[in-house]
Amino acid sequence: MIPPPRFVLFGPAHLTTLFLTFALPAFLAWRVRRPGGERWGRPIAWTFAAVLVLNQVALLVWALMADIQLKDNLPLHLCDVATVTCAAALVWRHRLSYELTYFWGLTGTVQALITPDLEAGFPSPEFFAFEIAHAGLVAAVLFLTLGLNMRPYPRSILRAFLWLQVYAVATAVLNHLLDTNYGYLRHKPATPSLLDYLGPWPIYIGSLEALALVLFLLSYLPFAVADWMRRHPGASAAC
């Protein structure tokens, strides 16, 4: 059996995925926001949800068929949990689900896209499964925001950060019980990542918490600027 090609960081397949992650939702949002395009909003949203959920199901089935320990392939990484909240936001436009997906998806998942914990490259099934789970999540968040006009508010930052603590505590307990490393709370991933620059364990966990809050604030900045400009139209006109 021919082994799959190794993943190349910032290789052609990786760069193409990064481009499509942002270009596809931008195009779909433009299509929906055009006159008469509103009817495409729900089908596109439901398609995003179906692809994300079916990809997670396929990963579980693959783990069972490959006789891989199921405990190491449960959907318990932050990106996996965000997939569930994203599907809820896509299907039901659920406010809290969108907020969690927006902040978790545009911080942790983007970092996972830039420095993937991935060994197999294009066109292996592992490559497609990983990129659908992560690139698909970010693309869905952008479509919800740009195409369906959902947005976070200042209180959304606190809610997302508090629910992140709930996730961290629950996942730490499960890691201890199952001897797993979900959320990379017990050790860093084997492949290069941002965590390599945040100190040794357990210092990098605290560093990651602080960085997450900073990234949440930065993710909200475009809305803060837009709200300020709406409240001060004279100031924006003077500029």
C-alpha atoms as a PDB file:
ATOM      1  CA  MET A   1       0.000   0.000   0.000  1.00  0.00           C
ATOM      2  CA  ILE A   2       1.424   3.391  -1.036  1.00  0.00           C
ATOM      3  CA  PRO A   3       1.717   5.717   1.970  1.00  0.00           C
ATOM      4  CA  PRO A   4      -0.027   9.090   1.651  1.00  0.00           C
ATOM      5  CA  PRO A   5       2.125  12.127   0.884  1.00  0.00           C
ATOM      6  CA  ARG A   6       3.306  14.087   3.898  1.00  0.00           C
ATOM      7  CA  PHE A   7       1.673  17.388   4.700  1.00  0.00           C
ATOM      8  CA  VAL A   8       3.797  20.376   3.654  1.00  0.00           C
ATOM      9  CA  LEU A   9       3.335  23.492   5.776  1.00  0.00           C
ATOM     10  CA  PHE A  10       2.480  26.405   3.448  1.00  0.00           C
ATOM     11  CA  GLY A  11       2.755  24.091   0.465  1.00  0.00           C
ATOM     12  CA  PRO A  12       0.404  24.469  -2.537  1.00  0.00           C
ATOM     13  CA  ALA A  13      -2.426  22.417  -0.973  1.00  0.00           C
ATOM     14  CA  HIS A  14      -2.158  24.271   2.343  1.00  0.00           C
ATOM     15  CA  LEU A  15      -2.135  27.717   0.710  1.00  0.00           C
ATOM     16  CA  THR A  16      -5.053  26.779  -1.554  1.00  0.00           C
ATOM     17  CA  THR A  17      -7.070  25.701   1.480  1.00  0.00           C
ATOM     18  CA  LEU A  18      -6.316  28.966   3.291  1.00  0.00           C
ATOM     19  CA  PHE A  19      -7.413  30.955   0.218  1.00  0.00           C
ATOM     20  CA  LEU A  20     -10.682  29.040  -0.186  1.00  0.00           C
ATOM     21  CA  THR A  21     -11.420  29.332   3.539  1.00  0.00           C
ATOM     22  CA  PHE A  22     -11.908  33.072   3.119  1.00  0.00           C
ATOM     23  CA  ALA A  23     -12.780  33.407  -0.572  1.00  0.00           C
ATOM     24  CA  LEU A  24     -15.678  30.920  -0.582  1.00  0.00           C
ATOM     25  CA  PRO A  25     -17.732  32.478   2.255  1.00  0.00           C
ATOM     26  CA  ALA A  26     -17.053  35.949   0.836  1.00  0.00           C
ATOM     27  CA  PHE A  27     -18.483  34.865  -2.528  1.00  0.00           C
ATOM     28  CA  LEU A  28     -21.470  33.114  -0.928  1.00  0.00           C
ATOM     29  CA  ALA A  29     -22.194  36.132   1.268  1.00  0.00           C
ATOM     30  CA  TRP A  30     -22.075  38.380  -1.813  1.00  0.00           C
ATOM     31  CA  ARG A  31     -24.495  36.016  -3.571  1.00  0.00           C
ATOM     32  CA  VAL A  32     -26.954  36.003  -0.670  1.00  0.00           C
ATOM     33  CA  ARG A  33     -26.847  39.763  -0.141  1.00  0.00           C
ATOM     34  CA  ARG A  34     -27.602  40.520  -3.787  1.00  0.00           C
ATOM     35  CA  PRO A  35     -31.219  41.485  -4.621  1.00  0.00           C
ATOM     36  CA  GLY A  36     -33.270  38.298  -4.610  1.00  0.00           C
ATOM     37  CA  GLY A  37     -30.445  36.277  -3.115  1.00  0.00           C
ATOM     38  CA  GLU A  38     -32.076  35.913   0.305  1.00  0.00           C
ATOM     39  CA  ARG A  39     -33.674  32.614  -0.737  1.00  0.00           C
ATOM     40  CA  TRP A  40     -30.210  31.047  -0.906  1.00  0.00           C
ATOM     41  CA  GLY A  41     -29.347  31.840   2.703  1.00  0.00           C
ATOM     42  CA  ARG A  42     -31.004  28.850   4.344  1.00  0.00           C
ATOM     43  CA  PRO A  43     -29.902  26.202   1.780  1.00  0.00           C
ATOM     44  CA  ILE A  44     -26.297  27.383   2.016  1.00  0.00           C
ATOM     45  CA  ALA A  45     -26.396  27.455   5.818  1.00  0.00           C
ATOM     46  CA  TRP A  46     -27.905  23.975   6.009  1.00  0.00           C
ATOM     47  CA  THR A  47     -25.339  22.668   3.525  1.00  0.00           C
ATOM     48  CA  PHE A  48     -22.523  24.012   5.695  1.00  0.00           C
ATOM     49  CA  ALA A  49     -24.096  22.352   8.759  1.00  0.00           C
ATOM     50  CA  ALA A  50     -24.576  19.013   6.977  1.00  0.00           C
ATOM     51  CA  VAL A  51     -20.982  18.921   5.687  1.00  0.00           C
ATOM     52  CA  LEU A  52     -19.531  19.737   9.116  1.00  0.00           C
ATOM     53  CA  VAL A  53     -21.659  17.194  10.990  1.00  0.00           C
ATOM     54  CA  LEU A  54     -21.250  14.425   8.410  1.00  0.00           C
ATOM     55  CA  ASN A  55     -17.491  14.943   8.457  1.00  0.00           C
ATOM     56  CA  GLN A  56     -17.464  14.416  12.232  1.00  0.00           C
ATOM     57  CA  VAL A  57     -19.580  11.268  11.870  1.00  0.00           C
ATOM     58  CA  ALA A  58     -17.279   9.983   9.120  1.00  0.00           C
ATOM     59  CA  LEU A  59     -14.244  10.489  11.373  1.00  0.00           C
ATOM     60  CA  LEU A  60     -15.845   8.411  14.123  1.00  0.00           C
ATOM     61  CA  VAL A  61     -16.824   5.653  11.685  1.00  0.00           C
ATOM     62  CA  TRP A  62     -13.307   5.653  10.209  1.00  0.00           C
ATOM     63  CA  ALA A  63     -11.772   5.319  13.684  1.00  0.00           C
ATOM     64  CA  LEU A  64     -14.021   2.340  14.447  1.00  0.00           C
ATOM     65  CA  MET A  65     -13.308   0.630  11.116  1.00  0.00           C
ATOM     66  CA  ALA A  66      -9.561   1.250  11.422  1.00  0.00           C
ATOM     67  CA  ASP A  67      -9.582  -0.316  14.889  1.00  0.00           C
ATOM     68  CA  ILE A  68      -8.126   2.862  16.378  1.00  0.00           C
ATOM     69  CA  GLN A  69      -8.786   3.507  20.048  1.00  0.00           C
ATOM     70  CA  LEU A  70     -12.061   5.382  20.099  1.00  0.00           C
ATOM     71  CA  LYS A  71     -11.113   7.317  23.218  1.00  0.00           C
ATOM     72  CA  ASP A  72      -8.412   9.121  21.228  1.00  0.00           C
ATOM     73  CA  ASN A  73     -10.788  10.092  18.408  1.00  0.00           C
ATOM     74  CA  LEU A  74     -13.791  11.490  20.233  1.00  0.00           C
ATOM     75  CA  PRO A  75     -15.017  14.931  19.068  1.00  0.00           C
ATOM     76  CA  LEU A  76     -13.709  16.686  22.170  1.00  0.00           C
ATOM     77  CA  HIS A  77     -11.153  19.148  20.833  1.00  0.00           C
ATOM     78  CA  LEU A  78     -12.300  22.751  20.947  1.00  0.00           C
ATOM     79  CA  CYS A  79     -12.746  22.753  17.166  1.00  0.00           C
ATOM     80  CA  ASP A  80     -15.009  19.694  17.459  1.00  0.00           C
ATOM     81  CA  VAL A  81     -17.193  21.348  20.103  1.00  0.00           C
ATOM     82  CA  ALA A  82     -17.303  24.497  17.971  1.00  0.00           C
ATOM     83  CA  THR A  83     -18.571  22.354  15.089  1.00  0.00           C
ATOM     84  CA  VAL A  84     -21.639  21.477  17.174  1.00  0.00           C
ATOM     85  CA  THR A  85     -22.279  25.096  18.136  1.00  0.00           C
ATOM     86  CA  CYS A  86     -21.723  26.133  14.523  1.00  0.00           C
ATOM     87  CA  ALA A  87     -24.287  23.631  13.248  1.00  0.00           C
ATOM     88  CA  ALA A  88     -26.813  24.953  15.783  1.00  0.00           C
ATOM     89  CA  ALA A  89     -26.156  28.518  14.654  1.00  0.00           C
ATOM     90  CA  LEU A  90     -26.451  27.578  10.980  1.00  0.00           C
ATOM     91  CA  VAL A  91     -29.735  25.685  11.351  1.00  0.00           C
ATOM     92  CA  TRP A  92     -31.487  27.661  14.106  1.00  0.00           C
ATOM     93  CA  ARG A  93     -29.595  30.987  14.152  1.00  0.00           C
ATOM     94  CA  HIS A  94     -29.049  30.365  17.868  1.00  0.00           C
ATOM     95  CA  ARG A  95     -27.434  33.451  19.421  1.00  0.00           C
ATOM     96  CA  LEU A  96     -25.169  31.808  22.038  1.00  0.00           C
ATOM     97  CA  SER A  97     -24.134  29.112  19.562  1.00  0.00           C
ATOM     98  CA  TYR A  98     -23.093  31.792  17.102  1.00  0.00           C
ATOM     99  CA  GLU A  99     -21.150  33.732  19.732  1.00  0.00           C
ATOM    100  CA  LEU A 100     -19.189  30.683  20.829  1.00  0.00           C
ATOM    101  CA  THR A 101     -18.520  29.675  17.243  1.00  0.00           C
ATOM    102  CA  TYR A 102     -17.474  33.173  16.249  1.00  0.00           C
ATOM    103  CA  PHE A 103     -14.870  33.623  18.969  1.00  0.00           C
ATOM    104  CA  TRP A 104     -13.683  30.011  19.190  1.00  0.00           C
ATOM    105  CA  GLY A 105     -13.740  29.545  15.427  1.00  0.00           C
ATOM    106  CA  LEU A 106     -11.907  32.736  14.537  1.00  0.00           C
ATOM    107  CA  THR A 107      -9.196  32.248  17.169  1.00  0.00           C
ATOM    108  CA  GLY A 108      -8.356  28.620  17.930  1.00  0.00           C
ATOM    109  CA  THR A 109      -9.504  27.172  14.625  1.00  0.00           C
ATOM    110  CA  VAL A 110      -7.678  29.737  12.495  1.00  0.00           C
ATOM    111  CA  GLN A 111      -4.504  28.933  14.428  1.00  0.00           C
ATOM    112  CA  ALA A 112      -5.090  25.237  13.718  1.00  0.00           C
ATOM    113  CA  LEU A 113      -5.472  26.067  10.022  1.00  0.00           C
ATOM    114  CA  ILE A 114      -2.216  28.009   9.909  1.00  0.00           C
ATOM    115  CA  THR A 115      -0.197  25.372  11.793  1.00  0.00           C
ATOM    116  CA  PRO A 116      -2.185  22.120  11.418  1.00  0.00           C
ATOM    117  CA  ASP A 117      -1.548  19.109  13.652  1.00  0.00           C
ATOM    118  CA  LEU A 118      -1.536  16.989  10.491  1.00  0.00           C
ATOM    119  CA  GLU A 119       0.917  14.519   9.001  1.00  0.00           C
ATOM    120  CA  ALA A 120      -0.811  13.291   5.816  1.00  0.00           C
ATOM    121  CA  GLY A 121      -1.089  15.715   2.920  1.00  0.00           C
ATOM    122  CA  PHE A 122      -3.269  16.139  -0.158  1.00  0.00           C
ATOM    123  CA  PRO A 123      -5.069  14.067  -1.430  1.00  0.00           C
ATOM    124  CA  SER A 124      -5.283  11.730   1.572  1.00  0.00           C
ATOM    125  CA  PRO A 125      -8.612  11.245   3.399  1.00  0.00           C
ATOM    126  CA  GLU A 126      -6.977  12.563   6.580  1.00  0.00           C
ATOM    127  CA  PHE A 127      -6.138  15.828   4.812  1.00  0.00           C
ATOM    128  CA  PHE A 128      -9.695  16.341   3.580  1.00  0.00           C
ATOM    129  CA  ALA A 129     -11.232  15.401   6.938  1.00  0.00           C
ATOM    130  CA  PHE A 130      -8.992  17.823   8.816  1.00  0.00           C
ATOM    131  CA  GLU A 131      -9.486  20.699   6.399  1.00  0.00           C
ATOM    132  CA  ILE A 132     -13.255  20.240   6.217  1.00  0.00           C
ATOM    133  CA  ALA A 133     -13.443  20.257  10.006  1.00  0.00           C
ATOM    134  CA  HIS A 134     -11.318  23.382  10.386  1.00  0.00           C
ATOM    135  CA  ALA A 135     -11.543  25.366   7.151  1.00  0.00           C
ATOM    136  CA  GLY A 136     -15.231  24.518   6.909  1.00  0.00           C
ATOM    137  CA  LEU A 137     -15.822  25.828  10.416  1.00  0.00           C
ATOM    138  CA  VAL A 138     -14.105  29.152   9.744  1.00  0.00           C
ATOM    139  CA  ALA A 139     -15.888  29.515   6.400  1.00  0.00           C
ATOM    140  CA  ALA A 140     -19.241  28.844   8.071  1.00  0.00           C
ATOM    141  CA  VAL A 141     -18.577  31.486  10.739  1.00  0.00           C
ATOM    142  CA  LEU A 142     -17.716  34.030   8.080  1.00  0.00           C
ATOM    143  CA  PHE A 143     -20.855  33.167   6.111  1.00  0.00           C
ATOM    144  CA  LEU A 144     -23.018  33.547   9.227  1.00  0.00           C
ATOM    145  CA  THR A 145     -21.483  36.952   9.816  1.00  0.00           C
ATOM    146  CA  LEU A 146     -21.153  38.360   6.311  1.00  0.00           C
ATOM    147  CA  GLY A 147     -24.059  36.609   4.634  1.00  0.00           C
ATOM    148  CA  LEU A 148     -26.682  36.188   7.366  1.00  0.00           C
ATOM    149  CA  ASN A 149     -25.908  39.383   9.313  1.00  0.00           C
ATOM    150  CA  MET A 150     -25.269  37.700  12.649  1.00  0.00           C
ATOM    151  CA  ARG A 151     -22.826  39.515  14.916  1.00  0.00           C
ATOM    152  CA  PRO A 152     -21.391  39.466  18.435  1.00  0.00           C
ATOM    153  CA  TYR A 153     -21.844  42.164  21.087  1.00  0.00           C
ATOM    154  CA  PRO A 154     -19.599  43.281  23.963  1.00  0.00           C
ATOM    155  CA  ARG A 155     -21.254  40.852  26.392  1.00  0.00           C
ATOM    156  CA  SER A 156     -20.575  38.065  23.889  1.00  0.00           C
ATOM    157  CA  ILE A 157     -16.850  38.285  24.685  1.00  0.00           C
ATOM    158  CA  LEU A 158     -17.417  37.501  28.360  1.00  0.00           C
ATOM    159  CA  ARG A 159     -19.856  34.691  27.583  1.00  0.00           C
ATOM    160  CA  ALA A 160     -17.466  33.048  25.128  1.00  0.00           C
ATOM    161  CA  PHE A 161     -14.565  33.325  27.586  1.00  0.00           C
ATOM    162  CA  LEU A 162     -16.578  31.907  30.514  1.00  0.00           C
ATOM    163  CA  TRP A 163     -17.809  28.981  28.409  1.00  0.00           C
ATOM    164  CA  LEU A 164     -14.197  28.403  27.377  1.00  0.00           C
ATOM    165  CA  GLN A 165     -13.380  27.879  31.057  1.00  0.00           C
ATOM    166  CA  VAL A 166     -16.236  25.383  31.327  1.00  0.00           C
ATOM    167  CA  TYR A 167     -14.825  23.527  28.334  1.00  0.00           C
ATOM    168  CA  ALA A 168     -11.302  23.548  29.783  1.00  0.00           C
ATOM    169  CA  VAL A 169     -12.362  22.180  33.170  1.00  0.00           C
ATOM    170  CA  ALA A 170     -14.640  19.493  31.714  1.00  0.00           C
ATOM    171  CA  THR A 171     -11.997  18.464  29.178  1.00  0.00           C
ATOM    172  CA  ALA A 172      -9.253  18.339  31.817  1.00  0.00           C
ATOM    173  CA  VAL A 173     -11.377  15.931  33.862  1.00  0.00           C
ATOM    174  CA  LEU A 174     -12.058  13.740  30.824  1.00  0.00           C
ATOM    175  CA  ASN A 175      -8.364  13.765  29.889  1.00  0.00           C
ATOM    176  CA  HIS A 176      -7.514  12.498  33.358  1.00  0.00           C
ATOM    177  CA  LEU A 177     -10.163   9.777  33.249  1.00  0.00           C
ATOM    178  CA  LEU A 178      -9.450   8.643  29.673  1.00  0.00           C
ATOM    179  CA  ASP A 179      -5.683   9.319  29.563  1.00  0.00           C
ATOM    180  CA  THR A 180      -6.133  11.558  26.515  1.00  0.00           C
ATOM    181  CA  ASN A 181      -4.931  15.005  25.448  1.00  0.00           C
ATOM    182  CA  TYR A 182      -8.005  16.840  24.179  1.00  0.00           C
ATOM    183  CA  GLY A 183      -7.526  20.584  24.001  1.00  0.00           C
ATOM    184  CA  TYR A 184      -3.781  19.897  24.301  1.00  0.00           C
ATOM    185  CA  LEU A 185      -4.187  20.439  28.024  1.00  0.00           C
ATOM    186  CA  ARG A 186      -1.700  17.714  29.013  1.00  0.00           C
ATOM    187  CA  HIS A 187       1.030  18.327  26.448  1.00  0.00           C
ATOM    188  CA  LYS A 188       1.661  20.198  23.207  1.00  0.00           C
ATOM    189  CA  PRO A 189       0.971  18.672  19.769  1.00  0.00           C
ATOM    190  CA  ALA A 190       3.844  16.825  18.107  1.00  0.00           C
ATOM    191  CA  THR A 191       3.840  19.159  15.107  1.00  0.00           C
ATOM    192  CA  PRO A 192       5.005  22.817  15.342  1.00  0.00           C
ATOM    193  CA  SER A 193       2.340  25.174  16.667  1.00  0.00           C
ATOM    194  CA  LEU A 194       1.782  28.459  18.455  1.00  0.00           C
ATOM    195  CA  LEU A 195       1.972  26.621  21.779  1.00  0.00           C
ATOM    196  CA  ASP A 196       5.711  26.169  21.257  1.00  0.00           C
ATOM    197  CA  TYR A 197       6.146  29.889  21.966  1.00  0.00           C
ATOM    198  CA  LEU A 198       3.952  30.047  25.077  1.00  0.00           C
ATOM    199  CA  GLY A 199       6.207  28.314  27.591  1.00  0.00           C
ATOM    200  CA  PRO A 200       6.372  24.789  29.035  1.00  0.00           C
ATOM    201  CA  TRP A 201       3.469  22.902  30.578  1.00  0.00           C
ATOM    202  CA  PRO A 202       1.461  24.085  32.481  1.00  0.00           C
ATOM    203  CA  ILE A 203       2.566  27.678  31.875  1.00  0.00           C
ATOM    204  CA  TYR A 204       1.440  27.567  28.246  1.00  0.00           C
ATOM    205  CA  ILE A 205      -2.139  26.906  29.354  1.00  0.00           C
ATOM    206  CA  GLY A 206      -2.267  30.199  31.272  1.00  0.00           C
ATOM    207  CA  SER A 207      -0.534  31.959  28.390  1.00  0.00           C
ATOM    208  CA  LEU A 208      -3.081  30.502  26.004  1.00  0.00           C
ATOM    209  CA  GLU A 209      -5.950  31.753  28.196  1.00  0.00           C
ATOM    210  CA  ALA A 210      -4.545  35.289  28.146  1.00  0.00           C
ATOM    211  CA  LEU A 211      -3.918  35.089  24.407  1.00  0.00           C
ATOM    212  CA  ALA A 212      -7.459  33.813  23.820  1.00  0.00           C
ATOM    213  CA  LEU A 213      -8.922  36.833  25.616  1.00  0.00           C
ATOM    214  CA  VAL A 214      -6.745  39.202  23.577  1.00  0.00           C
ATOM    215  CA  LEU A 215      -7.781  37.468  20.356  1.00  0.00           C
ATOM    216  CA  PHE A 216     -11.453  37.617  21.393  1.00  0.00           C
ATOM    217  CA  LEU A 217     -11.104  41.382  21.834  1.00  0.00           C
ATOM    218  CA  LEU A 218      -9.335  41.734  18.481  1.00  0.00           C
ATOM    219  CA  SER A 219     -12.029  39.611  16.802  1.00  0.00           C
ATOM    220  CA  TYR A 220     -14.650  42.006  18.131  1.00  0.00           C
ATOM    221  CA  LEU A 221     -12.718  45.130  17.086  1.00  0.00           C
ATOM    222  CA  PRO A 222     -14.303  45.484  13.589  1.00  0.00           C
ATOM    223  CA  PHE A 223     -17.776  45.602  15.179  1.00  0.00           C
ATOM    224  CA  ALA A 224     -16.628  48.058  17.852  1.00  0.00           C
ATOM    225  CA  VAL A 225     -15.219  50.374  15.178  1.00  0.00           C
ATOM    226  CA  ALA A 226     -18.358  50.074  13.028  1.00  0.00           C
ATOM    227  CA  ASP A 227     -20.611  50.815  16.030  1.00  0.00           C
ATOM    228  CA  TRP A 228     -18.504  53.846  16.986  1.00  0.00           C
ATOM    229  CA  MET A 229     -18.663  55.210  13.441  1.00  0.00           C
ATOM    230  CA  ARG A 230     -22.449  54.821  13.389  1.00  0.00           C
ATOM    231  CA  ARG A 231     -22.715  56.740  16.665  1.00  0.00           C
ATOM    232  CA  HIS A 232     -20.325  59.466  15.456  1.00  0.00           C
ATOM    233  CA  PRO A 233     -21.106  59.985  11.758  1.00  0.00           C
ATOM    234  CA  GLY A 234     -19.526  63.430  11.833  1.00  0.00           C
ATOM    235  CA  ALA A 235     -16.174  62.049  12.978  1.00  0.00           C
ATOM    236  CA  SER A 236     -16.061  59.469  10.166  1.00  0.00           C
ATOM    237  CA  ALA A 237     -17.025  62.135   7.606  1.00  0.00           C
ATOM    238  CA  ALA A 238     -14.249  64.415   8.855  1.00  0.00           C
ATOM    239  CA  CYS A 239     -11.713  61.667   8.301  1.00  0.00           C
END
